Amino acid sequence: MTIRQLSVFMENKSGILNEILSVLAQNNINIAALTVADTNDYGILRLLVSDPQSALEKLREKQFTVRLHDVLSLEMAPEPGSLYRILHHFAEARISMEYVYAFSFGSKSIVVFRTDNREKAEKVIKENGLKSVREEDLKPTQTLSE
């Protein structure tokens, strides 16, 4: 029910994000989603990638501070109100969100989140028949030819 997300600590200076992206590109690791939370001095880059374990190893080889976290990910309808309808279940169960982001992948709309109580959140997902997204669902199905 969970997927693995990379969290990379970044200094807030020019070129750091591009260095991280270069490591992933050189190792043929596809990025399905990313988000950056920043302050004046540093940022946290959160990524869903095609091969989280390899990305972790390759980034660490280049001296980046990176961790893998289990997060929840659900498919949602690509229509107004769908995110509200999903998150409403968790609000009713009094589950706080640590962070949330959403993106589209192929024909799917996906929400990713981390809560203060993953076990309780997993129960809410099952009880309400919400559709989990698996890591395998985030692998590219085809490559572009040159």
N, C-alpha and C. Protein backbone atom coordinates (compact mmCIF):
# COMPACT_ATOMS: atom_id res chain seq x y z
N MET A 1 0.82 -1.20 0.00
CA MET A 1 0.00 0.00 0.00
C MET A 1 0.86 1.26 0.00
N THR A 2 2.12 1.13 0.40
CA THR A 2 3.00 2.30 0.39
C THR A 2 3.93 2.23 -0.82
N ILE A 3 4.48 3.38 -1.16
CA ILE A 3 5.53 3.45 -2.16
C ILE A 3 6.71 4.17 -1.53
N ARG A 4 7.89 3.99 -2.11
CA ARG A 4 9.09 4.62 -1.56
C ARG A 4 9.36 5.94 -2.26
N GLN A 5 9.61 6.95 -1.45
CA GLN A 5 9.89 8.29 -1.92
C GLN A 5 11.29 8.68 -1.46
N LEU A 6 12.06 9.28 -2.33
CA LEU A 6 13.36 9.82 -1.96
C LEU A 6 13.19 11.22 -1.40
N SER A 7 13.90 11.51 -0.34
CA SER A 7 13.98 12.88 0.18
C SER A 7 15.45 13.26 0.18
N VAL A 8 15.77 14.31 -0.57
CA VAL A 8 17.16 14.74 -0.73
C VAL A 8 17.31 16.11 -0.10
N PHE A 9 18.28 16.24 0.80
CA PHE A 9 18.60 17.52 1.42
C PHE A 9 19.48 18.30 0.45
N MET A 10 19.10 19.54 0.16
CA MET A 10 19.86 20.35 -0.79
C MET A 10 20.23 21.70 -0.18
N GLU A 11 21.47 22.10 -0.39
CA GLU A 11 21.84 23.48 -0.09
C GLU A 11 21.10 24.37 -1.06
N ASN A 12 20.70 25.53 -0.61
CA ASN A 12 19.97 26.46 -1.46
C ASN A 12 20.96 27.32 -2.24
N LYS A 13 21.61 26.68 -3.24
CA LYS A 13 22.53 27.43 -4.09
C LYS A 13 22.40 26.95 -5.53
N SER A 14 22.78 27.81 -6.41
CA SER A 14 22.61 27.58 -7.84
C SER A 14 23.27 26.28 -8.30
N GLY A 15 22.53 25.49 -9.07
CA GLY A 15 23.07 24.30 -9.69
C GLY A 15 22.90 23.00 -8.94
N ILE A 16 22.52 23.03 -7.66
CA ILE A 16 22.40 21.80 -6.87
C ILE A 16 21.31 20.89 -7.42
N LEU A 17 20.14 21.44 -7.70
CA LEU A 17 19.06 20.62 -8.24
C LEU A 17 19.50 19.97 -9.55
N ASN A 18 20.18 20.74 -10.39
CA ASN A 18 20.62 20.19 -11.66
C ASN A 18 21.64 19.06 -11.47
N GLU A 19 22.48 19.15 -10.45
CA GLU A 19 23.43 18.07 -10.16
C GLU A 19 22.69 16.78 -9.80
N ILE A 20 21.66 16.91 -9.00
CA ILE A 20 20.86 15.74 -8.61
C ILE A 20 20.18 15.14 -9.84
N LEU A 21 19.58 15.98 -10.65
CA LEU A 21 18.91 15.51 -11.85
C LEU A 21 19.89 14.85 -12.82
N SER A 22 21.10 15.35 -12.88
CA SER A 22 22.13 14.77 -13.73
C SER A 22 22.48 13.35 -13.29
N VAL A 23 22.62 13.14 -11.98
CA VAL A 23 22.92 11.80 -11.46
C VAL A 23 21.82 10.82 -11.87
N LEU A 24 20.59 11.25 -11.74
CA LEU A 24 19.47 10.37 -12.10
C LEU A 24 19.46 10.10 -13.60
N ALA A 25 19.66 11.13 -14.40
CA ALA A 25 19.66 10.97 -15.85
C ALA A 25 20.78 10.04 -16.31
N GLN A 26 21.97 10.22 -15.75
CA GLN A 26 23.12 9.38 -16.14
C GLN A 26 22.91 7.92 -15.79
N ASN A 27 22.03 7.65 -14.84
CA ASN A 27 21.77 6.28 -14.42
C ASN A 27 20.42 5.77 -14.91
N ASN A 28 19.85 6.47 -15.89
CA ASN A 28 18.61 6.05 -16.55
C ASN A 28 17.45 5.85 -15.56
N ILE A 29 17.38 6.74 -14.58
CA ILE A 29 16.31 6.69 -13.58
C ILE A 29 15.28 7.75 -13.93
N ASN A 30 14.06 7.31 -14.18
CA ASN A 30 12.98 8.21 -14.57
C ASN A 30 12.34 8.86 -13.34
N ILE A 31 12.00 10.11 -13.46
CA ILE A 31 11.31 10.85 -12.40
C ILE A 31 9.83 10.89 -12.74
N ALA A 32 9.01 10.32 -11.87
CA ALA A 32 7.56 10.37 -12.06
C ALA A 32 6.99 11.66 -11.47
N ALA A 33 7.55 12.10 -10.33
CA ALA A 33 7.07 13.32 -9.67
C ALA A 33 8.17 13.89 -8.80
N LEU A 34 8.13 15.19 -8.62
CA LEU A 34 9.04 15.83 -7.68
C LEU A 34 8.41 17.08 -7.12
N THR A 35 8.83 17.43 -5.93
CA THR A 35 8.40 18.66 -5.28
C THR A 35 9.56 19.15 -4.42
N VAL A 36 9.66 20.45 -4.26
CA VAL A 36 10.72 21.04 -3.45
C VAL A 36 10.08 21.93 -2.39
N ALA A 37 10.51 21.73 -1.15
CA ALA A 37 10.16 22.62 -0.05
C ALA A 37 11.45 23.31 0.35
N ASP A 38 11.44 24.64 0.43
CA ASP A 38 12.71 25.30 0.71
C ASP A 38 12.59 26.40 1.76
N THR A 39 13.75 26.75 2.29
CA THR A 39 13.91 27.89 3.17
C THR A 39 15.01 28.74 2.55
N ASN A 40 15.49 29.74 3.25
CA ASN A 40 16.57 30.56 2.71
C ASN A 40 17.87 29.78 2.54
N ASP A 41 18.11 28.79 3.40
CA ASP A 41 19.41 28.12 3.40
C ASP A 41 19.42 26.72 2.78
N TYR A 42 18.30 26.03 2.79
CA TYR A 42 18.30 24.66 2.29
C TYR A 42 16.91 24.31 1.75
N GLY A 43 16.86 23.15 1.10
CA GLY A 43 15.60 22.65 0.58
C GLY A 43 15.52 21.15 0.75
N ILE A 44 14.33 20.64 0.69
CA ILE A 44 14.09 19.20 0.68
C ILE A 44 13.44 18.87 -0.66
N LEU A 45 14.12 18.05 -1.43
CA LEU A 45 13.60 17.59 -2.71
C LEU A 45 12.97 16.23 -2.49
N ARG A 46 11.69 16.10 -2.79
CA ARG A 46 11.00 14.82 -2.67
C ARG A 46 10.73 14.30 -4.08
N LEU A 47 11.08 13.02 -4.30
CA LEU A 47 11.00 12.43 -5.63
C LEU A 47 10.37 11.06 -5.61
N LEU A 48 9.56 10.78 -6.61
CA LEU A 48 9.12 9.42 -6.91
C LEU A 48 9.83 9.06 -8.21
N VAL A 49 10.58 7.97 -8.19
CA VAL A 49 11.38 7.60 -9.35
C VAL A 49 11.16 6.14 -9.73
N SER A 50 11.63 5.78 -10.91
CA SER A 50 11.43 4.42 -11.43
C SER A 50 12.20 3.37 -10.66
N ASP A 51 13.32 3.73 -10.04
CA ASP A 51 14.13 2.77 -9.29
C ASP A 51 14.66 3.45 -8.02
N PRO A 52 13.84 3.48 -6.96
CA PRO A 52 14.23 4.22 -5.75
C PRO A 52 15.52 3.72 -5.10
N GLN A 53 15.75 2.42 -5.07
CA GLN A 53 16.95 1.90 -4.42
C GLN A 53 18.21 2.32 -5.17
N SER A 54 18.19 2.20 -6.47
CA SER A 54 19.34 2.60 -7.28
C SER A 54 19.58 4.11 -7.16
N ALA A 55 18.51 4.89 -7.19
CA ALA A 55 18.64 6.34 -7.04
C ALA A 55 19.27 6.69 -5.70
N LEU A 56 18.85 6.03 -4.65
CA LEU A 56 19.43 6.25 -3.32
C LEU A 56 20.93 5.99 -3.35
N GLU A 57 21.32 4.85 -3.89
CA GLU A 57 22.73 4.47 -3.93
C GLU A 57 23.55 5.44 -4.78
N LYS A 58 23.07 5.79 -5.95
CA LYS A 58 23.82 6.67 -6.86
C LYS A 58 23.95 8.08 -6.29
N LEU A 59 22.91 8.58 -5.65
CA LEU A 59 23.00 9.91 -5.04
C LEU A 59 23.94 9.91 -3.85
N ARG A 60 23.90 8.87 -3.05
CA ARG A 60 24.84 8.78 -1.92
C ARG A 60 26.28 8.70 -2.39
N GLU A 61 26.52 8.00 -3.49
CA GLU A 61 27.87 7.93 -4.06
C GLU A 61 28.41 9.32 -4.38
N LYS A 62 27.51 10.23 -4.73
CA LYS A 62 27.88 11.61 -5.07
C LYS A 62 27.79 12.54 -3.84
N GLN A 63 27.71 11.94 -2.67
CA GLN A 63 27.74 12.66 -1.39
C GLN A 63 26.49 13.48 -1.08
N PHE A 64 25.36 13.13 -1.69
CA PHE A 64 24.11 13.80 -1.33
C PHE A 64 23.52 13.12 -0.10
N THR A 65 22.89 13.91 0.75
CA THR A 65 22.18 13.38 1.90
C THR A 65 20.78 13.02 1.44
N VAL A 66 20.48 11.72 1.43
CA VAL A 66 19.23 11.24 0.87
C VAL A 66 18.68 10.11 1.71
N ARG A 67 17.36 10.04 1.82
CA ARG A 67 16.69 8.97 2.56
C ARG A 67 15.51 8.46 1.74
N LEU A 68 15.14 7.22 2.04
CA LEU A 68 13.93 6.65 1.47
C LEU A 68 12.85 6.65 2.55
N HIS A 69 11.66 7.08 2.17
CA HIS A 69 10.52 7.10 3.09
C HIS A 69 9.36 6.37 2.45
N ASP A 70 8.59 5.68 3.25
CA ASP A 70 7.35 5.10 2.77
C ASP A 70 6.26 6.16 2.84
N VAL A 71 5.58 6.35 1.73
CA VAL A 71 4.46 7.30 1.67
C VAL A 71 3.26 6.58 1.07
N LEU A 72 2.12 7.16 1.24
CA LEU A 72 0.89 6.62 0.66
C LEU A 72 0.60 7.33 -0.65
N SER A 73 0.05 6.60 -1.58
CA SER A 73 -0.24 7.18 -2.88
C SER A 73 -1.54 6.58 -3.40
N LEU A 74 -2.43 7.44 -3.83
CA LEU A 74 -3.76 7.00 -4.28
C LEU A 74 -4.08 7.57 -5.64
N GLU A 75 -4.81 6.78 -6.42
CA GLU A 75 -5.31 7.26 -7.69
C GLU A 75 -6.56 8.08 -7.41
N MET A 76 -6.73 9.15 -8.18
CA MET A 76 -7.93 9.97 -8.02
C MET A 76 -8.48 10.33 -9.40
N ALA A 77 -9.75 10.61 -9.43
CA ALA A 77 -10.40 10.98 -10.68
C ALA A 77 -9.87 12.33 -11.15
N PRO A 78 -9.65 12.50 -12.46
CA PRO A 78 -9.18 13.79 -12.98
C PRO A 78 -10.34 14.76 -13.15
N GLU A 79 -10.93 15.14 -12.01
CA GLU A 79 -12.10 16.03 -12.06
C GLU A 79 -12.12 16.89 -10.80
N PRO A 80 -12.79 18.04 -10.88
CA PRO A 80 -12.87 18.92 -9.72
C PRO A 80 -13.47 18.19 -8.50
N GLY A 81 -12.88 18.40 -7.34
CA GLY A 81 -13.40 17.83 -6.10
C GLY A 81 -12.86 16.47 -5.75
N SER A 82 -12.12 15.83 -6.63
CA SER A 82 -11.67 14.47 -6.33
C SER A 82 -10.65 14.44 -5.19
N LEU A 83 -9.76 15.41 -5.14
CA LEU A 83 -8.79 15.45 -4.04
C LEU A 83 -9.51 15.70 -2.72
N TYR A 84 -10.48 16.60 -2.73
CA TYR A 84 -11.28 16.86 -1.53
C TYR A 84 -11.96 15.56 -1.05
N ARG A 85 -12.59 14.83 -1.97
CA ARG A 85 -13.31 13.62 -1.59
C ARG A 85 -12.37 12.58 -0.96
N ILE A 86 -11.16 12.48 -1.48
CA ILE A 86 -10.20 11.54 -0.91
C ILE A 86 -9.74 12.00 0.47
N LEU A 87 -9.27 13.23 0.56
CA LEU A 87 -8.71 13.72 1.82
C LEU A 87 -9.76 13.88 2.92
N HIS A 88 -11.02 14.03 2.52
CA HIS A 88 -12.11 14.15 3.49
C HIS A 88 -12.18 12.91 4.39
N HIS A 89 -11.93 11.74 3.83
CA HIS A 89 -11.94 10.50 4.63
C HIS A 89 -10.93 10.56 5.77
N PHE A 90 -9.76 11.11 5.48
CA PHE A 90 -8.70 11.18 6.48
C PHE A 90 -8.99 12.26 7.52
N ALA A 91 -9.59 13.35 7.08
CA ALA A 91 -9.97 14.41 8.02
C ALA A 91 -11.03 13.89 8.99
N GLU A 92 -12.00 13.14 8.47
CA GLU A 92 -13.03 12.57 9.34
C GLU A 92 -12.43 11.61 10.37
N ALA A 93 -11.36 10.91 9.99
CA ALA A 93 -10.69 9.97 10.89
C ALA A 93 -9.66 10.68 11.79
N ARG A 94 -9.60 12.00 11.67
CA ARG A 94 -8.68 12.82 12.47
C ARG A 94 -7.22 12.42 12.24
N ILE A 95 -6.89 12.21 10.99
CA ILE A 95 -5.52 11.90 10.59
C ILE A 95 -4.93 13.17 9.99
N SER A 96 -3.83 13.64 10.56
CA SER A 96 -3.18 14.85 10.07
C SER A 96 -2.23 14.52 8.93
N MET A 97 -2.17 15.42 7.97
CA MET A 97 -1.26 15.28 6.85
C MET A 97 0.03 16.04 7.15
N GLU A 98 1.16 15.35 7.01
CA GLU A 98 2.45 16.02 7.15
C GLU A 98 2.77 16.79 5.88
N TYR A 99 2.49 16.19 4.73
CA TYR A 99 2.57 16.88 3.46
C TYR A 99 1.77 16.12 2.42
N VAL A 100 1.41 16.84 1.36
CA VAL A 100 0.61 16.28 0.27
C VAL A 100 1.09 16.93 -1.03
N TYR A 101 1.17 16.13 -2.08
CA TYR A 101 1.34 16.69 -3.41
C TYR A 101 0.63 15.78 -4.41
N ALA A 102 0.30 16.33 -5.56
CA ALA A 102 -0.44 15.57 -6.56
C ALA A 102 0.20 15.81 -7.92
N PHE A 103 -0.01 14.85 -8.82
CA PHE A 103 0.53 14.96 -10.16
C PHE A 103 -0.23 14.02 -11.09
N SER A 104 0.02 14.16 -12.37
CA SER A 104 -0.56 13.25 -13.36
C SER A 104 0.56 12.40 -13.94
N PHE A 105 0.25 11.13 -14.17
CA PHE A 105 1.21 10.21 -14.76
C PHE A 105 0.46 9.40 -15.79
N GLY A 106 0.77 9.65 -17.06
CA GLY A 106 -0.02 9.02 -18.11
C GLY A 106 -1.45 9.51 -18.01
N SER A 107 -2.39 8.60 -17.95
CA SER A 107 -3.81 8.97 -17.86
C SER A 107 -4.29 9.03 -16.41
N LYS A 108 -3.39 8.83 -15.45
CA LYS A 108 -3.80 8.79 -14.04
C LYS A 108 -3.50 10.11 -13.34
N SER A 109 -4.37 10.49 -12.43
CA SER A 109 -4.11 11.57 -11.49
C SER A 109 -3.82 10.91 -10.15
N ILE A 110 -2.76 11.36 -9.50
CA ILE A 110 -2.25 10.68 -8.31
C ILE A 110 -2.00 11.69 -7.20
N VAL A 111 -2.36 11.31 -5.98
CA VAL A 111 -2.04 12.11 -4.80
C VAL A 111 -1.09 11.30 -3.92
N VAL A 112 -0.07 11.97 -3.42
CA VAL A 112 0.94 11.36 -2.55
C VAL A 112 0.90 12.10 -1.23
N PHE A 113 0.98 11.35 -0.12
CA PHE A 113 0.94 12.03 1.17
C PHE A 113 1.60 11.19 2.25
N ARG A 114 1.99 11.90 3.28
CA ARG A 114 2.53 11.29 4.49
C ARG A 114 1.69 11.80 5.65
N THR A 115 1.32 10.88 6.53
CA THR A 115 0.44 11.23 7.65
C THR A 115 1.14 11.05 8.98
N ASP A 116 0.46 11.47 10.02
CA ASP A 116 0.98 11.27 11.37
C ASP A 116 0.65 9.87 11.89
N ASN A 117 -0.13 9.08 11.12
CA ASN A 117 -0.51 7.74 11.56
C ASN A 117 -0.77 6.86 10.33
N ARG A 118 0.29 6.27 9.79
CA ARG A 118 0.17 5.50 8.55
C ARG A 118 -0.74 4.29 8.71
N GLU A 119 -0.66 3.59 9.83
CA GLU A 119 -1.49 2.40 10.03
C GLU A 119 -2.98 2.75 10.00
N LYS A 120 -3.34 3.83 10.66
CA LYS A 120 -4.74 4.27 10.67
C LYS A 120 -5.15 4.73 9.27
N ALA A 121 -4.24 5.39 8.57
CA ALA A 121 -4.53 5.84 7.20
C ALA A 121 -4.75 4.65 6.27
N GLU A 122 -3.96 3.60 6.43
CA GLU A 122 -4.14 2.40 5.60
C GLU A 122 -5.50 1.76 5.86
N LYS A 123 -5.95 1.81 7.10
CA LYS A 123 -7.28 1.29 7.43
C LYS A 123 -8.37 2.11 6.74
N VAL A 124 -8.21 3.43 6.73
CA VAL A 124 -9.17 4.32 6.05
C VAL A 124 -9.20 4.01 4.55
N ILE A 125 -8.04 3.77 3.97
CA ILE A 125 -7.97 3.45 2.54
C ILE A 125 -8.75 2.18 2.24
N LYS A 126 -8.53 1.15 3.05
CA LYS A 126 -9.23 -0.13 2.84
C LYS A 126 -10.73 0.02 3.06
N GLU A 127 -11.11 0.66 4.15
CA GLU A 127 -12.53 0.79 4.49
C GLU A 127 -13.33 1.57 3.44
N ASN A 128 -12.66 2.49 2.74
CA ASN A 128 -13.35 3.34 1.78
C ASN A 128 -13.11 2.92 0.33
N GLY A 129 -12.43 1.81 0.15
CA GLY A 129 -12.20 1.29 -1.21
C GLY A 129 -11.39 2.22 -2.09
N LEU A 130 -10.47 2.97 -1.49
CA LEU A 130 -9.63 3.87 -2.27
C LEU A 130 -8.56 3.06 -2.99
N LYS A 131 -8.18 3.49 -4.18
CA LYS A 131 -7.25 2.72 -5.01
C LYS A 131 -5.81 3.19 -4.80
N SER A 132 -5.00 2.31 -4.22
CA SER A 132 -3.58 2.61 -4.00
C SER A 132 -2.81 2.54 -5.31
N VAL A 133 -1.78 3.36 -5.40
CA VAL A 133 -0.85 3.32 -6.52
C VAL A 133 0.40 2.60 -6.03
N ARG A 134 0.88 1.66 -6.84
CA ARG A 134 2.08 0.90 -6.49
C ARG A 134 3.29 1.47 -7.23
N GLU A 135 4.48 1.17 -6.75
CA GLU A 135 5.69 1.63 -7.43
C GLU A 135 5.71 1.17 -8.88
N GLU A 136 5.25 -0.05 -9.14
CA GLU A 136 5.25 -0.58 -10.50
C GLU A 136 4.39 0.28 -11.43
N ASP A 137 3.36 0.92 -10.86
CA ASP A 137 2.48 1.77 -11.67
C ASP A 137 3.18 3.03 -12.15
N LEU A 138 4.31 3.38 -11.53
CA LEU A 138 5.01 4.62 -11.86
C LEU A 138 6.18 4.43 -12.82
N LYS A 139 6.37 3.21 -13.28
CA LYS A 139 7.45 2.96 -14.25
C LYS A 139 6.96 3.34 -15.63
N PRO A 140 7.84 3.98 -16.42
CA PRO A 140 7.41 4.35 -17.77
C PRO A 140 7.09 3.11 -18.59
N THR A 141 6.04 3.19 -19.38
CA THR A 141 5.63 2.04 -20.18
C THR A 141 6.29 2.03 -21.55
N GLN A 142 6.77 3.19 -21.99
CA GLN A 142 7.45 3.25 -23.26
C GLN A 142 8.43 4.41 -23.25
N THR A 143 9.42 4.33 -24.11
CA THR A 143 10.38 5.42 -24.24
C THR A 143 10.19 6.11 -25.57
N LEU A 144 10.58 7.36 -25.64
CA LEU A 144 10.48 8.10 -26.88
C LEU A 144 11.65 7.73 -27.77
N SER A 145 11.40 7.54 -29.03
CA SER A 145 12.50 7.26 -29.96
C SER A 145 13.04 8.58 -30.50
N GLU A 146 14.31 8.55 -30.84
CA GLU A 146 14.94 9.78 -31.34
C GLU A 146 14.71 9.96 -32.80
